[in-house]
Amino acid sequence: MLQLRPNCECCDRDLPGDSEEALICSFECTFCPTCAERLGLRCPNCGGRLLARPPRSGAALERHPASTERVLKADGCAAVLQPS
């Protein structure tokens, strides 16, 4: 089951479990659309493709809530972000 991490690792934007905007790699590193685009849709941690994370909603989200542990890169992805 996906962790559904609650934020973008680069900018710390909230991405709740029912968000349809979160993008993830196969290791569940999580990014918002803006940062993912600036990353060239590649995870800065593993180099994998960033794809839409399926949202979890309703009773499923209540029974299996999203993670509350925020993951944030110390440099906010500044070293790997492409200029906008």
PDB file of N, CA and C in Angstrom:
ATOM      1  N   MET A   1       0.837  -1.171   0.000  1.00  0.00           N
ATOM      2  CA  MET A   1       0.000   0.000   0.000  1.00  0.00           C
ATOM      3  C   MET A   1       0.891   1.247   0.000  1.00  0.00           C
ATOM      4  N   LEU A   2       0.524   2.230  -0.805  1.00  0.00           N
ATOM      5  CA  LEU A   2       1.285   3.479  -0.875  1.00  0.00           C
ATOM      6  C   LEU A   2       1.224   4.239   0.447  1.00  0.00           C
ATOM      7  N   GLN A   3       2.338   4.867   0.814  1.00  0.00           N
ATOM      8  CA  GLN A   3       2.392   5.694   2.017  1.00  0.00           C
ATOM      9  C   GLN A   3       1.551   6.954   1.887  1.00  0.00           C
ATOM     10  N   LEU A   4       1.465   7.495   0.694  1.00  0.00           N
ATOM     11  CA  LEU A   4       0.807   8.780   0.454  1.00  0.00           C
ATOM     12  C   LEU A   4       1.446   9.866   1.319  1.00  0.00           C
ATOM     13  N   ARG A   5       2.689  10.155   1.012  1.00  0.00           N
ATOM     14  CA  ARG A   5       3.408  11.188   1.756  1.00  0.00           C
ATOM     15  C   ARG A   5       2.690  12.527   1.603  1.00  0.00           C
ATOM     16  N   PRO A   6       2.685  13.336   2.666  1.00  0.00           N
ATOM     17  CA  PRO A   6       1.814  14.512   2.719  1.00  0.00           C
ATOM     18  C   PRO A   6       2.332  15.800   2.089  1.00  0.00           C
ATOM     19  N   ASN A   7       3.533  15.757   1.466  1.00  0.00           N
ATOM     20  CA  ASN A   7       4.093  17.030   0.978  1.00  0.00           C
ATOM     21  C   ASN A   7       5.068  16.804  -0.167  1.00  0.00           C
ATOM     22  N   CYS A   8       5.338  17.895  -0.872  1.00  0.00           N
ATOM     23  CA  CYS A   8       6.358  17.902  -1.919  1.00  0.00           C
ATOM     24  C   CYS A   8       7.729  17.958  -1.250  1.00  0.00           C
ATOM     25  N   GLU A   9       8.643  17.083  -1.681  1.00  0.00           N
ATOM     26  CA  GLU A   9       9.981  17.049  -1.092  1.00  0.00           C
ATOM     27  C   GLU A   9      10.792  18.297  -1.396  1.00  0.00           C
ATOM     28  N   CYS A  10      10.443  19.027  -2.437  1.00  0.00           N
ATOM     29  CA  CYS A  10      11.212  20.224  -2.806  1.00  0.00           C
ATOM     30  C   CYS A  10      10.697  21.486  -2.117  1.00  0.00           C
ATOM     31  N   CYS A  11       9.409  21.761  -2.265  1.00  0.00           N
ATOM     32  CA  CYS A  11       8.874  23.049  -1.788  1.00  0.00           C
ATOM     33  C   CYS A  11       7.993  22.924  -0.544  1.00  0.00           C
ATOM     34  N   ASP A  12       7.754  21.704  -0.077  1.00  0.00           N
ATOM     35  CA  ASP A  12       6.950  21.422   1.122  1.00  0.00           C
ATOM     36  C   ASP A  12       5.461  21.732   0.946  1.00  0.00           C
ATOM     37  N   ARG A  13       5.002  21.860  -0.297  1.00  0.00           N
ATOM     38  CA  ARG A  13       3.575  22.086  -0.552  1.00  0.00           C
ATOM     39  C   ARG A  13       2.774  20.887  -0.041  1.00  0.00           C
ATOM     40  N   ASP A  14       1.641  21.144   0.579  1.00  0.00           N
ATOM     41  CA  ASP A  14       0.773  20.078   1.061  1.00  0.00           C
ATOM     42  C   ASP A  14       0.197  19.281  -0.099  1.00  0.00           C
ATOM     43  N   LEU A  15       0.255  17.954   0.007  1.00  0.00           N
ATOM     44  CA  LEU A  15      -0.310  17.035  -0.978  1.00  0.00           C
ATOM     45  C   LEU A  15      -1.029  15.927  -0.210  1.00  0.00           C
ATOM     46  N   PRO A  16      -2.239  16.214   0.266  1.00  0.00           N
ATOM     47  CA  PRO A  16      -2.969  15.232   1.068  1.00  0.00           C
ATOM     48  C   PRO A  16      -3.251  13.947   0.288  1.00  0.00           C
ATOM     49  N   GLY A  17      -3.632  12.906   0.999  1.00  0.00           N
ATOM     50  CA  GLY A  17      -3.855  11.598   0.406  1.00  0.00           C
ATOM     51  C   GLY A  17      -4.858  11.568  -0.724  1.00  0.00           C
ATOM     52  N   ASP A  18      -5.799  12.501  -0.720  1.00  0.00           N
ATOM     53  CA  ASP A  18      -6.810  12.529  -1.788  1.00  0.00           C
ATOM     54  C   ASP A  18      -6.453  13.502  -2.911  1.00  0.00           C
ATOM     55  N   SER A  19      -5.234  14.060  -2.871  1.00  0.00           N
ATOM     56  CA  SER A  19      -4.799  14.993  -3.908  1.00  0.00           C
ATOM     57  C   SER A  19      -4.609  14.283  -5.241  1.00  0.00           C
ATOM     58  N   GLU A  20      -5.076  14.906  -6.295  1.00  0.00           N
ATOM     59  CA  GLU A  20      -4.864  14.381  -7.636  1.00  0.00           C
ATOM     60  C   GLU A  20      -3.679  15.061  -8.305  1.00  0.00           C
ATOM     61  N   GLU A  21      -2.937  15.866  -7.556  1.00  0.00           N
ATOM     62  CA  GLU A  21      -1.813  16.609  -8.107  1.00  0.00           C
ATOM     63  C   GLU A  21      -0.456  16.002  -7.786  1.00  0.00           C
ATOM     64  N   ALA A  22      -0.367  15.084  -6.834  1.00  0.00           N
ATOM     65  CA  ALA A  22       0.919  14.526  -6.423  1.00  0.00           C
ATOM     66  C   ALA A  22       1.510  13.634  -7.512  1.00  0.00           C
ATOM     67  N   LEU A  23       2.824  13.727  -7.670  1.00  0.00           N
ATOM     68  CA  LEU A  23       3.557  12.845  -8.571  1.00  0.00           C
ATOM     69  C   LEU A  23       4.588  12.091  -7.749  1.00  0.00           C
ATOM     70  N   ILE A  24       4.797  10.805  -8.075  1.00  0.00           N
ATOM     71  CA  ILE A  24       5.718   9.967  -7.320  1.00  0.00           C
ATOM     72  C   ILE A  24       6.599   9.140  -8.254  1.00  0.00           C
ATOM     73  N   CYS A  25       7.715   8.673  -7.705  1.00  0.00           N
ATOM     74  CA  CYS A  25       8.557   7.695  -8.405  1.00  0.00           C
ATOM     75  C   CYS A  25       8.236   6.330  -7.808  1.00  0.00           C
ATOM     76  N   SER A  26       8.943   5.298  -8.240  1.00  0.00           N
ATOM     77  CA  SER A  26       8.650   3.953  -7.736  1.00  0.00           C
ATOM     78  C   SER A  26       9.027   3.766  -6.269  1.00  0.00           C
ATOM     79  N   PHE A  27       9.813   4.702  -5.710  1.00  0.00           N
ATOM     80  CA  PHE A  27      10.155   4.646  -4.288  1.00  0.00           C
ATOM     81  C   PHE A  27       9.244   5.554  -3.455  1.00  0.00           C
ATOM     82  N   GLU A  28       8.237   6.126  -4.084  1.00  0.00           N
ATOM     83  CA  GLU A  28       7.239   7.000  -3.457  1.00  0.00           C
ATOM     84  C   GLU A  28       7.762   8.377  -3.069  1.00  0.00           C
ATOM     85  N   CYS A  29       8.922   8.770  -3.605  1.00  0.00           N
ATOM     86  CA  CYS A  29       9.344  10.158  -3.427  1.00  0.00           C
ATOM     87  C   CYS A  29       8.224  10.994  -4.048  1.00  0.00           C
ATOM     88  N   THR A  30       7.841  12.081  -3.403  1.00  0.00           N
ATOM     89  CA  THR A  30       6.620  12.794  -3.755  1.00  0.00           C
ATOM     90  C   THR A  30       6.909  14.256  -4.086  1.00  0.00           C
ATOM     91  N   PHE A  31       6.297  14.726  -5.184  1.00  0.00           N
ATOM     92  CA  PHE A  31       6.528  16.093  -5.651  1.00  0.00           C
ATOM     93  C   PHE A  31       5.237  16.710  -6.170  1.00  0.00           C
ATOM     94  N   CYS A  32       5.151  18.028  -6.095  1.00  0.00           N
ATOM     95  CA  CYS A  32       4.013  18.759  -6.659  1.00  0.00           C
ATOM     96  C   CYS A  32       4.249  18.909  -8.166  1.00  0.00           C
ATOM     97  N   PRO A  33       3.221  19.251  -8.927  1.00  0.00           N
ATOM     98  CA  PRO A  33       3.383  19.383 -10.377  1.00  0.00           C
ATOM     99  C   PRO A  33       4.426  20.426 -10.785  1.00  0.00           C
ATOM    100  N   THR A  34       4.493  21.538 -10.084  1.00  0.00           N
ATOM    101  CA  THR A  34       5.438  22.600 -10.430  1.00  0.00           C
ATOM    102  C   THR A  34       6.877  22.111 -10.291  1.00  0.00           C
ATOM    103  N   CYS A  35       7.188  21.513  -9.151  1.00  0.00           N
ATOM    104  CA  CYS A  35       8.551  21.029  -8.933  1.00  0.00           C
ATOM    105  C   CYS A  35       8.863  19.848  -9.846  1.00  0.00           C
ATOM    106  N   ALA A  36       7.895  18.956 -10.031  1.00  0.00           N
ATOM    107  CA  ALA A  36       8.118  17.799 -10.904  1.00  0.00           C
ATOM    108  C   ALA A  36       8.455  18.258 -12.321  1.00  0.00           C
ATOM    109  N   GLU A  37       7.763  19.259 -12.795  1.00  0.00           N
ATOM    110  CA  GLU A  37       8.034  19.783 -14.134  1.00  0.00           C
ATOM    111  C   GLU A  37       9.437  20.385 -14.190  1.00  0.00           C
ATOM    112  N   ARG A  38       9.789  21.139 -13.168  1.00  0.00           N
ATOM    113  CA  ARG A  38      11.118  21.749 -13.125  1.00  0.00           C
ATOM    114  C   ARG A  38      12.223  20.706 -12.978  1.00  0.00           C
ATOM    115  N   LEU A  39      11.871  19.516 -12.476  1.00  0.00           N
ATOM    116  CA  LEU A  39      12.816  18.402 -12.360  1.00  0.00           C
ATOM    117  C   LEU A  39      12.878  17.582 -13.647  1.00  0.00           C
ATOM    118  N   GLY A  40      12.131  18.006 -14.649  1.00  0.00           N
ATOM    119  CA  GLY A  40      12.093  17.254 -15.904  1.00  0.00           C
ATOM    120  C   GLY A  40      11.364  15.935 -15.764  1.00  0.00           C
ATOM    121  N   LEU A  41      10.439  15.863 -14.798  1.00  0.00           N
ATOM    122  CA  LEU A  41       9.658  14.664 -14.480  1.00  0.00           C
ATOM    123  C   LEU A  41      10.554  13.474 -14.137  1.00  0.00           C
ATOM    124  N   ARG A  42      11.713  13.762 -13.529  1.00  0.00           N
ATOM    125  CA  ARG A  42      12.651  12.736 -13.055  1.00  0.00           C
ATOM    126  C   ARG A  42      12.903  12.952 -11.569  1.00  0.00           C
ATOM    127  N   CYS A  43      12.891  11.861 -10.820  1.00  0.00           N
ATOM    128  CA  CYS A  43      13.143  11.941  -9.384  1.00  0.00           C
ATOM    129  C   CYS A  43      14.605  12.307  -9.144  1.00  0.00           C
ATOM    130  N   PRO A  44      14.868  13.327  -8.326  1.00  0.00           N
ATOM    131  CA  PRO A  44      16.251  13.716  -8.060  1.00  0.00           C
ATOM    132  C   PRO A  44      16.968  12.717  -7.148  1.00  0.00           C
ATOM    133  N   ASN A  45      16.211  11.822  -6.532  1.00  0.00           N
ATOM    134  CA  ASN A  45      16.809  10.842  -5.622  1.00  0.00           C
ATOM    135  C   ASN A  45      17.264   9.577  -6.347  1.00  0.00           C
ATOM    136  N   CYS A  46      16.429   9.066  -7.259  1.00  0.00           N
ATOM    137  CA  CYS A  46      16.742   7.795  -7.913  1.00  0.00           C
ATOM    138  C   CYS A  46      16.829   7.893  -9.436  1.00  0.00           C
ATOM    139  N   GLY A  47      16.395   9.010  -9.994  1.00  0.00           N
ATOM    140  CA  GLY A  47      16.421   9.184 -11.437  1.00  0.00           C
ATOM    141  C   GLY A  47      15.220   8.582 -12.147  1.00  0.00           C
ATOM    142  N   GLY A  48      14.303   7.984 -11.382  1.00  0.00           N
ATOM    143  CA  GLY A  48      13.109   7.381 -11.971  1.00  0.00           C
ATOM    144  C   GLY A  48      12.109   8.410 -12.457  1.00  0.00           C
ATOM    145  N   ARG A  49      11.189   7.954 -13.307  1.00  0.00           N
ATOM    146  CA  ARG A  49      10.140   8.849 -13.816  1.00  0.00           C
ATOM    147  C   ARG A  49       9.156   9.203 -12.708  1.00  0.00           C
ATOM    148  N   LEU A  50       8.676  10.425 -12.760  1.00  0.00           N
ATOM    149  CA  LEU A  50       7.626  10.874 -11.844  1.00  0.00           C
ATOM    150  C   LEU A  50       6.294  10.749 -12.562  1.00  0.00           C
ATOM    151  N   LEU A  51       5.389  10.006 -11.941  1.00  0.00           N
ATOM    152  CA  LEU A  51       4.067   9.747 -12.506  1.00  0.00           C
ATOM    153  C   LEU A  51       2.997  10.129 -11.501  1.00  0.00           C
ATOM    154  N   ALA A  52       1.778  10.289 -11.983  1.00  0.00           N
ATOM    155  CA  ALA A  52       0.663  10.664 -11.110  1.00  0.00           C
ATOM    156  C   ALA A  52       0.469   9.621 -10.009  1.00  0.00           C
ATOM    157  N   ARG A  53       0.350  10.104  -8.777  1.00  0.00           N
ATOM    158  CA  ARG A  53       0.054   9.220  -7.653  1.00  0.00           C
ATOM    159  C   ARG A  53      -1.452   9.035  -7.590  1.00  0.00           C
ATOM    160  N   PRO A  54      -1.925   7.794  -7.509  1.00  0.00           N
ATOM    161  CA  PRO A  54      -3.369   7.599  -7.413  1.00  0.00           C
ATOM    162  C   PRO A  54      -3.894   8.149  -6.087  1.00  0.00           C
ATOM    163  N   PRO A  55      -4.970   8.928  -6.127  1.00  0.00           N
ATOM    164  CA  PRO A  55      -5.527   9.454  -4.883  1.00  0.00           C
ATOM    165  C   PRO A  55      -6.285   8.359  -4.127  1.00  0.00           C
ATOM    166  N   ARG A  56      -6.341   8.495  -2.828  1.00  0.00           N
ATOM    167  CA  ARG A  56      -7.134   7.606  -1.978  1.00  0.00           C
ATOM    168  C   ARG A  56      -8.193   8.491  -1.328  1.00  0.00           C
ATOM    169  N   SER A  57      -9.427   8.076  -1.369  1.00  0.00           N
ATOM    170  CA  SER A  57     -10.471   8.944  -0.822  1.00  0.00           C
ATOM    171  C   SER A  57     -11.541   8.146  -0.092  1.00  0.00           C
ATOM    172  N   GLY A  58     -12.430   8.900   0.507  1.00  0.00           N
ATOM    173  CA  GLY A  58     -13.583   8.312   1.180  1.00  0.00           C
ATOM    174  C   GLY A  58     -13.213   7.341   2.288  1.00  0.00           C
ATOM    175  N   ALA A  59     -13.951   6.228   2.327  1.00  0.00           N
ATOM    176  CA  ALA A  59     -13.762   5.232   3.379  1.00  0.00           C
ATOM    177  C   ALA A  59     -12.364   4.623   3.334  1.00  0.00           C
ATOM    178  N   ALA A  60     -11.803   4.464   2.148  1.00  0.00           N
ATOM    179  CA  ALA A  60     -10.458   3.890   2.039  1.00  0.00           C
ATOM    180  C   ALA A  60      -9.428   4.786   2.720  1.00  0.00           C
ATOM    181  N   LEU A  61      -9.568   6.091   2.559  1.00  0.00           N
ATOM    182  CA  LEU A  61      -8.651   7.026   3.199  1.00  0.00           C
ATOM    183  C   LEU A  61      -8.855   7.040   4.708  1.00  0.00           C
ATOM    184  N   GLU A  62     -10.087   6.871   5.149  1.00  0.00           N
ATOM    185  CA  GLU A  62     -10.366   6.809   6.587  1.00  0.00           C
ATOM    186  C   GLU A  62      -9.765   5.550   7.211  1.00  0.00           C
ATOM    187  N   ARG A  63      -9.904   4.413   6.528  1.00  0.00           N
ATOM    188  CA  ARG A  63      -9.370   3.146   7.048  1.00  0.00           C
ATOM    189  C   ARG A  63      -7.844   3.080   6.947  1.00  0.00           C
ATOM    190  N   HIS A  64      -7.310   3.680   5.907  1.00  0.00           N
ATOM    191  CA  HIS A  64      -5.869   3.643   5.646  1.00  0.00           C
ATOM    192  C   HIS A  64      -5.383   5.065   5.375  1.00  0.00           C
ATOM    193  N   PRO A  65      -5.219   5.857   6.444  1.00  0.00           N
ATOM    194  CA  PRO A  65      -4.863   7.271   6.262  1.00  0.00           C
ATOM    195  C   PRO A  65      -3.480   7.465   5.655  1.00  0.00           C
ATOM    196  N   ALA A  66      -3.307   8.619   5.047  1.00  0.00           N
ATOM    197  CA  ALA A  66      -2.018   9.004   4.481  1.00  0.00           C
ATOM    198  C   ALA A  66      -1.000   9.188   5.596  1.00  0.00           C
ATOM    199  N   SER A  67       0.250   9.083   5.240  1.00  0.00           N
ATOM    200  CA  SER A  67       1.338   9.313   6.190  1.00  0.00           C
ATOM    201  C   SER A  67       1.296  10.762   6.684  1.00  0.00           C
ATOM    202  N   THR A  68       1.763  10.971   7.883  1.00  0.00           N
ATOM    203  CA  THR A  68       1.887  12.333   8.417  1.00  0.00           C
ATOM    204  C   THR A  68       3.357  12.756   8.468  1.00  0.00           C
ATOM    205  N   GLU A  69       4.253  11.833   8.120  1.00  0.00           N
ATOM    206  CA  GLU A  69       5.682  12.129   8.140  1.00  0.00           C
ATOM    207  C   GLU A  69       6.080  12.920   6.905  1.00  0.00           C
ATOM    208  N   ARG A  70       6.502  14.150   7.136  1.00  0.00           N
ATOM    209  CA  ARG A  70       6.903  15.025   6.029  1.00  0.00           C
ATOM    210  C   ARG A  70       8.350  14.737   5.661  1.00  0.00           C
ATOM    211  N   VAL A  71       8.608  14.608   4.368  1.00  0.00           N
ATOM    212  CA  VAL A  71       9.957  14.399   3.840  1.00  0.00           C
ATOM    213  C   VAL A  71      10.311  15.645   3.049  1.00  0.00           C
ATOM    214  N   LEU A  72      11.432  16.256   3.393  1.00  0.00           N
ATOM    215  CA  LEU A  72      11.832  17.495   2.725  1.00  0.00           C
ATOM    216  C   LEU A  72      13.332  17.474   2.502  1.00  0.00           C
ATOM    217  N   LYS A  73      13.747  17.701   1.258  1.00  0.00           N
ATOM    218  CA  LYS A  73      15.166  17.753   0.948  1.00  0.00           C
ATOM    219  C   LYS A  73      15.762  18.990   1.627  1.00  0.00           C
ATOM    220  N   ALA A  74      16.919  18.817   2.221  1.00  0.00           N
ATOM    221  CA  ALA A  74      17.557  19.907   2.983  1.00  0.00           C
ATOM    222  C   ALA A  74      17.750  21.156   2.133  1.00  0.00           C
ATOM    223  N   ASP A  75      18.097  20.997   0.865  1.00  0.00           N
ATOM    224  CA  ASP A  75      18.324  22.161   0.007  1.00  0.00           C
ATOM    225  C   ASP A  75      17.084  22.546  -0.783  1.00  0.00           C
ATOM    226  N   GLY A  76      15.969  21.864  -0.537  1.00  0.00           N
ATOM    227  CA  GLY A  76      14.742  22.171  -1.255  1.00  0.00           C
ATOM    228  C   GLY A  76      14.843  21.879  -2.737  1.00  0.00           C
ATOM    229  N   CYS A  77      15.741  20.997  -3.151  1.00  0.00           N
ATOM    230  CA  CYS A  77      15.958  20.607  -4.550  1.00  0.00           C
ATOM    231  C   CYS A  77      16.662  21.684  -5.368  1.00  0.00           C
ATOM    232  N   ALA A  78      17.156  22.722  -4.746  1.00  0.00           N
ATOM    233  CA  ALA A  78      17.786  23.824  -5.482  1.00  0.00           C
ATOM    234  C   ALA A  78      18.925  23.353  -6.384  1.00  0.00           C
ATOM    235  N   ALA A  79      19.682  22.372  -5.923  1.00  0.00           N
ATOM    236  CA  ALA A  79      20.832  21.914  -6.693  1.00  0.00           C
ATOM    237  C   ALA A  79      20.448  21.180  -7.979  1.00  0.00           C
ATOM    238  N   VAL A  80      19.233  20.627  -8.035  1.00  0.00           N
ATOM    239  CA  VAL A  80      18.841  19.834  -9.198  1.00  0.00           C
ATOM    240  C   VAL A  80      17.705  20.435 -10.013  1.00  0.00           C
ATOM    241  N   LEU A  81      17.077  21.481  -9.524  1.00  0.00           N
ATOM    242  CA  LEU A  81      15.952  22.081 -10.255  1.00  0.00           C
ATOM    243  C   LEU A  81      16.432  22.809 -11.497  1.00  0.00           C
ATOM    244  N   GLN A  82      15.708  22.586 -12.600  1.00  0.00           N
ATOM    245  CA  GLN A  82      15.981  23.310 -13.832  1.00  0.00           C
ATOM    246  C   GLN A  82      15.366  24.697 -13.708  1.00  0.00           C
ATOM    247  N   PRO A  83      16.018  25.739 -14.227  1.00  0.00           N
ATOM    248  CA  PRO A  83      15.435  27.082 -14.146  1.00  0.00           C
ATOM    249  C   PRO A  83      14.078  27.137 -14.835  1.00  0.00           C
ATOM    250  N   SER A  84      13.171  27.895 -14.261  1.00  0.00           N
ATOM    251  CA  SER A  84      11.832  28.002 -14.878  1.00  0.00           C
ATOM    252  C   SER A  84      11.766  29.101 -15.901  1.00  0.00           C
TER     253      SER A  84
END
